[in-house]
Amino acid sequence: MTKALYAGSFDPITFGHIDVIKRASRVFDKVYVAISINTHKHALFTDDQRADFARQALENLDNVEVLVSEELTVKLARSLGATVLVRGVRGGNDLDSEMSIAGLNEKMDDSIQTIFIPTAANYRDLSSSMIKEIAKFHGNIDKFVPAPVVKALTEKYRS
């Protein structure tokens, strides 16, 4: 059984993230989605809220499990028995950044491979940061994130 791990801050999860997870779930026997703490970002939503959004969005994928982790991604992968790290890429900038991370992960454990999955073209412009910015200024985000996220962002930025 091939297990994969897709870790990210998912603050909040977008249709782009969901697209990558669905694609990964068709390739791997088990996909873990780890809601991770990004030390470079201040999360808008709590770990539990982000996990709840992800669980709701992915509930129809039987081989996907959402968890919250404060561990280094490679350590978490080892503890889960995952031999693959999944990374979504939207374009060249993402790829450059992700290649650096993949290289460091490989240096920490060369038995765990990183696989890049391109996001579908219609989701390539999506980022959690941009979605939050649109929501902050009361723009329509229905096309970018699941309904529970729309509701939560609308409530956060209600003025």
Protein backbone atom coordinates (compact mmCIF):
# COMPACT_ATOMS: atom_id res chain seq x y z
CA MET A 1 0.00 0.00 0.00
CA THR A 2 1.46 3.35 -1.05
CA LYS A 3 0.76 6.14 1.41
CA ALA A 4 1.23 9.81 0.58
CA LEU A 5 1.27 12.93 2.72
CA TYR A 6 0.13 16.37 1.58
CA ALA A 7 1.03 18.90 4.25
CA GLY A 8 0.20 22.58 4.25
CA SER A 9 -1.29 25.39 6.27
CA PHE A 10 -4.58 25.26 4.29
CA ASP A 11 -5.66 28.60 5.77
CA PRO A 12 -8.22 28.10 4.35
CA ILE A 13 -8.48 25.12 2.03
CA THR A 14 -9.30 26.16 -1.55
CA PHE A 15 -10.66 24.36 -4.58
CA GLY A 16 -7.07 24.30 -5.84
CA HIS A 17 -5.96 22.29 -2.79
CA ILE A 18 -8.97 20.02 -3.15
CA ASP A 19 -8.13 19.43 -6.82
CA VAL A 20 -4.60 18.31 -5.91
CA ILE A 21 -5.90 16.05 -3.13
CA LYS A 22 -8.47 14.43 -5.45
CA ARG A 23 -5.77 13.78 -8.04
CA ALA A 24 -3.47 12.30 -5.38
CA SER A 25 -6.29 10.09 -4.08
CA ARG A 26 -6.56 8.50 -7.53
CA VAL A 27 -2.85 7.67 -7.58
CA PHE A 28 -2.11 6.59 -4.00
CA ASP A 29 -3.80 4.02 -1.79
CA LYS A 30 -3.92 6.39 1.19
CA VAL A 31 -3.50 10.17 1.29
CA TYR A 32 -2.96 11.98 4.56
CA VAL A 33 -3.71 15.70 4.54
CA ALA A 34 -1.82 17.36 7.37
CA ILE A 35 -2.88 20.74 8.63
CA SER A 36 0.54 22.08 9.55
CA ILE A 37 1.80 25.09 11.39
CA ASN A 38 3.68 27.45 9.09
CA THR A 39 6.09 29.49 11.20
CA HIS A 40 6.22 32.18 8.49
CA LYS A 41 2.48 32.80 8.53
CA HIS A 42 -0.06 33.89 11.11
CA ALA A 43 -3.11 31.68 10.58
CA LEU A 44 -6.53 33.33 10.32
CA PHE A 45 -8.27 30.12 11.40
CA THR A 46 -7.35 27.74 14.22
CA ASP A 47 -5.85 24.33 13.49
CA ASP A 48 -9.16 22.69 14.37
CA GLN A 49 -11.16 25.01 12.11
CA ARG A 50 -8.82 24.36 9.19
CA ALA A 51 -9.05 20.61 9.80
CA ASP A 52 -12.86 20.80 9.95
CA PHE A 53 -12.99 22.70 6.64
CA ALA A 54 -10.75 20.08 5.04
CA ARG A 55 -12.70 17.13 6.47
CA GLN A 56 -15.98 18.56 5.19
CA ALA A 57 -14.52 19.24 1.74
CA LEU A 58 -12.94 15.79 1.45
CA GLU A 59 -15.53 13.61 3.17
CA ASN A 60 -16.43 11.80 -0.06
CA LEU A 61 -12.85 10.56 -0.57
CA ASP A 62 -12.61 7.26 1.32
CA ASN A 63 -8.82 7.00 1.14
CA VAL A 64 -8.13 10.52 2.45
CA GLU A 65 -7.57 11.29 6.12
CA VAL A 66 -7.14 14.78 7.60
CA LEU A 67 -4.99 15.35 10.66
CA VAL A 68 -3.34 18.22 12.50
CA SER A 69 0.42 18.16 13.01
CA GLU A 70 3.12 20.27 14.57
CA GLU A 71 5.82 17.84 13.38
CA LEU A 72 8.40 18.33 10.70
CA THR A 73 6.83 16.97 7.50
CA VAL A 74 9.48 14.27 6.95
CA LYS A 75 9.11 13.04 10.54
CA LEU A 76 5.34 12.95 10.19
CA ALA A 77 5.60 11.02 6.91
CA ARG A 78 7.87 8.45 8.59
CA SER A 79 5.49 8.04 11.53
CA LEU A 80 2.54 7.50 9.15
CA GLY A 81 4.45 5.11 6.89
CA ALA A 82 4.10 7.53 3.98
CA THR A 83 6.79 7.18 1.32
CA VAL A 84 5.59 10.07 -0.84
CA LEU A 85 5.16 13.77 -0.16
CA VAL A 86 2.61 15.41 -2.44
CA ARG A 87 3.06 19.03 -3.40
CA GLY A 88 0.68 21.04 -5.53
CA VAL A 89 2.15 23.53 -7.98
CA ARG A 90 0.36 26.36 -9.74
CA GLY A 91 3.24 27.61 -11.86
CA GLY A 92 6.93 28.37 -12.09
CA ASN A 93 7.20 30.35 -8.86
CA ASP A 94 5.62 27.51 -6.90
CA LEU A 95 7.87 24.99 -8.60
CA ASP A 96 11.03 26.91 -7.71
CA SER A 97 10.03 27.16 -4.07
CA GLU A 98 8.80 23.56 -3.88
CA MET A 99 12.00 22.24 -5.48
CA SER A 100 14.03 23.81 -2.67
CA ILE A 101 11.79 22.25 -0.04
CA ALA A 102 11.89 18.87 -1.81
CA GLY A 103 15.69 19.01 -1.87
CA LEU A 104 15.87 19.65 1.87
CA ASN A 105 13.36 16.89 2.59
CA GLU A 106 15.40 14.49 0.48
CA LYS A 107 18.53 15.37 2.44
CA MET A 108 16.67 14.57 5.66
CA ASP A 109 15.28 11.26 4.37
CA ASP A 110 16.03 10.07 0.85
CA SER A 111 13.57 7.19 1.15
CA ILE A 112 10.67 9.66 0.97
CA GLN A 113 10.01 11.00 -2.52
CA THR A 114 8.31 14.27 -3.42
CA ILE A 115 5.75 14.20 -6.21
CA PHE A 116 4.52 17.44 -7.78
CA ILE A 117 0.93 17.57 -8.96
CA PRO A 118 -0.05 20.53 -11.11
CA THR A 119 -3.26 22.25 -10.16
CA ALA A 120 -5.96 22.31 -12.84
CA ALA A 121 -5.71 25.40 -15.04
CA ASN A 122 -8.90 26.96 -13.66
CA TYR A 123 -7.43 26.94 -10.13
CA ARG A 124 -3.90 28.16 -10.87
CA ASP A 125 -4.56 31.71 -9.71
CA LEU A 126 -5.93 30.63 -6.34
CA SER A 127 -4.04 31.08 -3.13
CA SER A 128 -5.37 31.14 0.40
CA SER A 129 -3.83 34.60 0.87
CA MET A 130 -5.61 36.02 -2.16
CA ILE A 131 -8.92 34.46 -1.12
CA LYS A 132 -8.64 36.08 2.31
CA GLU A 133 -7.85 39.42 0.68
CA ILE A 134 -10.90 39.21 -1.58
CA ALA A 135 -13.10 38.22 1.38
CA LYS A 136 -11.72 41.05 3.50
CA PHE A 137 -12.99 43.54 0.94
CA HIS A 138 -16.32 41.71 0.61
CA GLY A 139 -15.69 40.20 -2.82
CA ASN A 140 -17.44 37.05 -3.98
CA ILE A 141 -15.38 33.96 -3.17
CA ASP A 142 -17.99 31.26 -3.96
CA LYS A 143 -15.99 30.01 -6.97
CA PHE A 144 -12.78 29.59 -4.97
CA VAL A 145 -13.59 27.82 -1.68
CA PRO A 146 -16.20 25.42 -0.28
CA ALA A 147 -19.41 26.84 1.26
CA PRO A 148 -18.32 26.40 4.92
CA VAL A 149 -15.20 28.44 4.18
CA VAL A 150 -17.24 31.13 2.41
CA LYS A 151 -19.46 31.36 5.49
CA ALA A 152 -16.54 31.51 7.92
CA LEU A 153 -14.66 34.15 5.93
CA THR A 154 -17.81 36.23 5.53
CA GLU A 155 -18.32 36.14 9.30
CA LYS A 156 -14.64 36.98 10.00
CA TYR A 157 -14.73 40.03 7.78
CA ARG A 158 -18.24 41.23 8.55
CA SER A 159 -18.13 44.98 9.10
